[in-house]
């Protein structure tokens, strides 16, 4: 494993020009996060090489090279990464042992494999918070065959798969005894239900020199599928709470000694507690608004962090909101975006489509950022357009 203390030195003595197509930057994952990352990398004259299992992935048509491969397969990940200068990830569900091997071969891997190893397992992740004194809700580990009688008196509670959960999947809320029959048949964690008043998120970045930069705290609203429906920036909470949330995020990335960008999802309780829910070591849905709303976007910041460049300003240039464009229920097939022109007629509306040809229920197909002079103006626009755009599979209007 590459000692973190040597990473900054490696960048300092590196002869290869990072602002050149000769610098080989690899990304594991070619979804919409990779696509938006590439759009920022182009500004720095950087070639981005993508590996993804889906030949029609959103990044496929705009990356420098595209490799079809299984991100969980050791040999395929090593083969992809071995000729790269730096490898980063678009999602955390990748083969960590392969990343350790790439480190041994001299490839810079960010976030570091040891960080991904912790984050991939929600049990290890929660224990990490407890061991480091980072505020989080109480939890316990469950086997694939837990004792249901012992769990009855703990209802209500939340269970989460220790590994593999993503985009709202792998989470169950157990509200009554009958729900116990639906428990995951795989190792999971049990958490108390937190009586939160708001769900917050903070994006924070760190480079190899230990410089950190934290974005303003945002608040998120989730849909029935546990996906972000909207986020608002800045969060409508006191300045003290905003700062408290940002400080928790900085504490987490420093405790991990991580290089890259980290999304820290938080609960705010009625008593003013800030509790860490989950973290994601990559650009995140709760940071998409930064493309329009901040001096530096989360995607450019991630690029700066993994290349050990000075981190950019996170100052807000506009209040904003982000609306996810999700596939409509009951629609599966070629995607058709209904109502975009109507939404675009409103001031401050910015559309981002991800290039996915086919839609299905709750699939992330794009997002809209709304900017405004203040958060109330932004909320007014959101209320006017929130039901305007529908992603359907009806092609009769083509």
Foldseek 3Di string as FASTA:
>chain_A
DDDLLCPVVCLVPDPDDQLEQVAEEEEEDQALQVQVLLVLNVVSHYAYEYEEQDCQHLRNPPGPYYHHDDQADLVVLLVVQQPHQEYEYAFLNGHLVSQVVSVVSNHHYFQHSVLSVQQQFVVSVVVLCVVLVQFAFDKDKAALDHDLVVCQVVPFKKKAARHDDDQLPRIDTDHHSVCVVVDHSHIIMIGHDAQFPWKKKKKKAAASVGDIAIAFIKTFDADPSRHTFKIWPPHPDDPVLRVVQRVSVSSVCVSSVTFFMKMWMWGQHPVGDTHTDHMTRGDDPNQPLQVPFAPDGSSSQRVCRSSVHDGDHNDTPFIKMKGFAAAAAPAWFFKDKAQPVVLVVDPQKDWFASSDGIHYGGDGGTMIMGTDRDRVVRVVSCVVCSPRIHIHRDPPPD
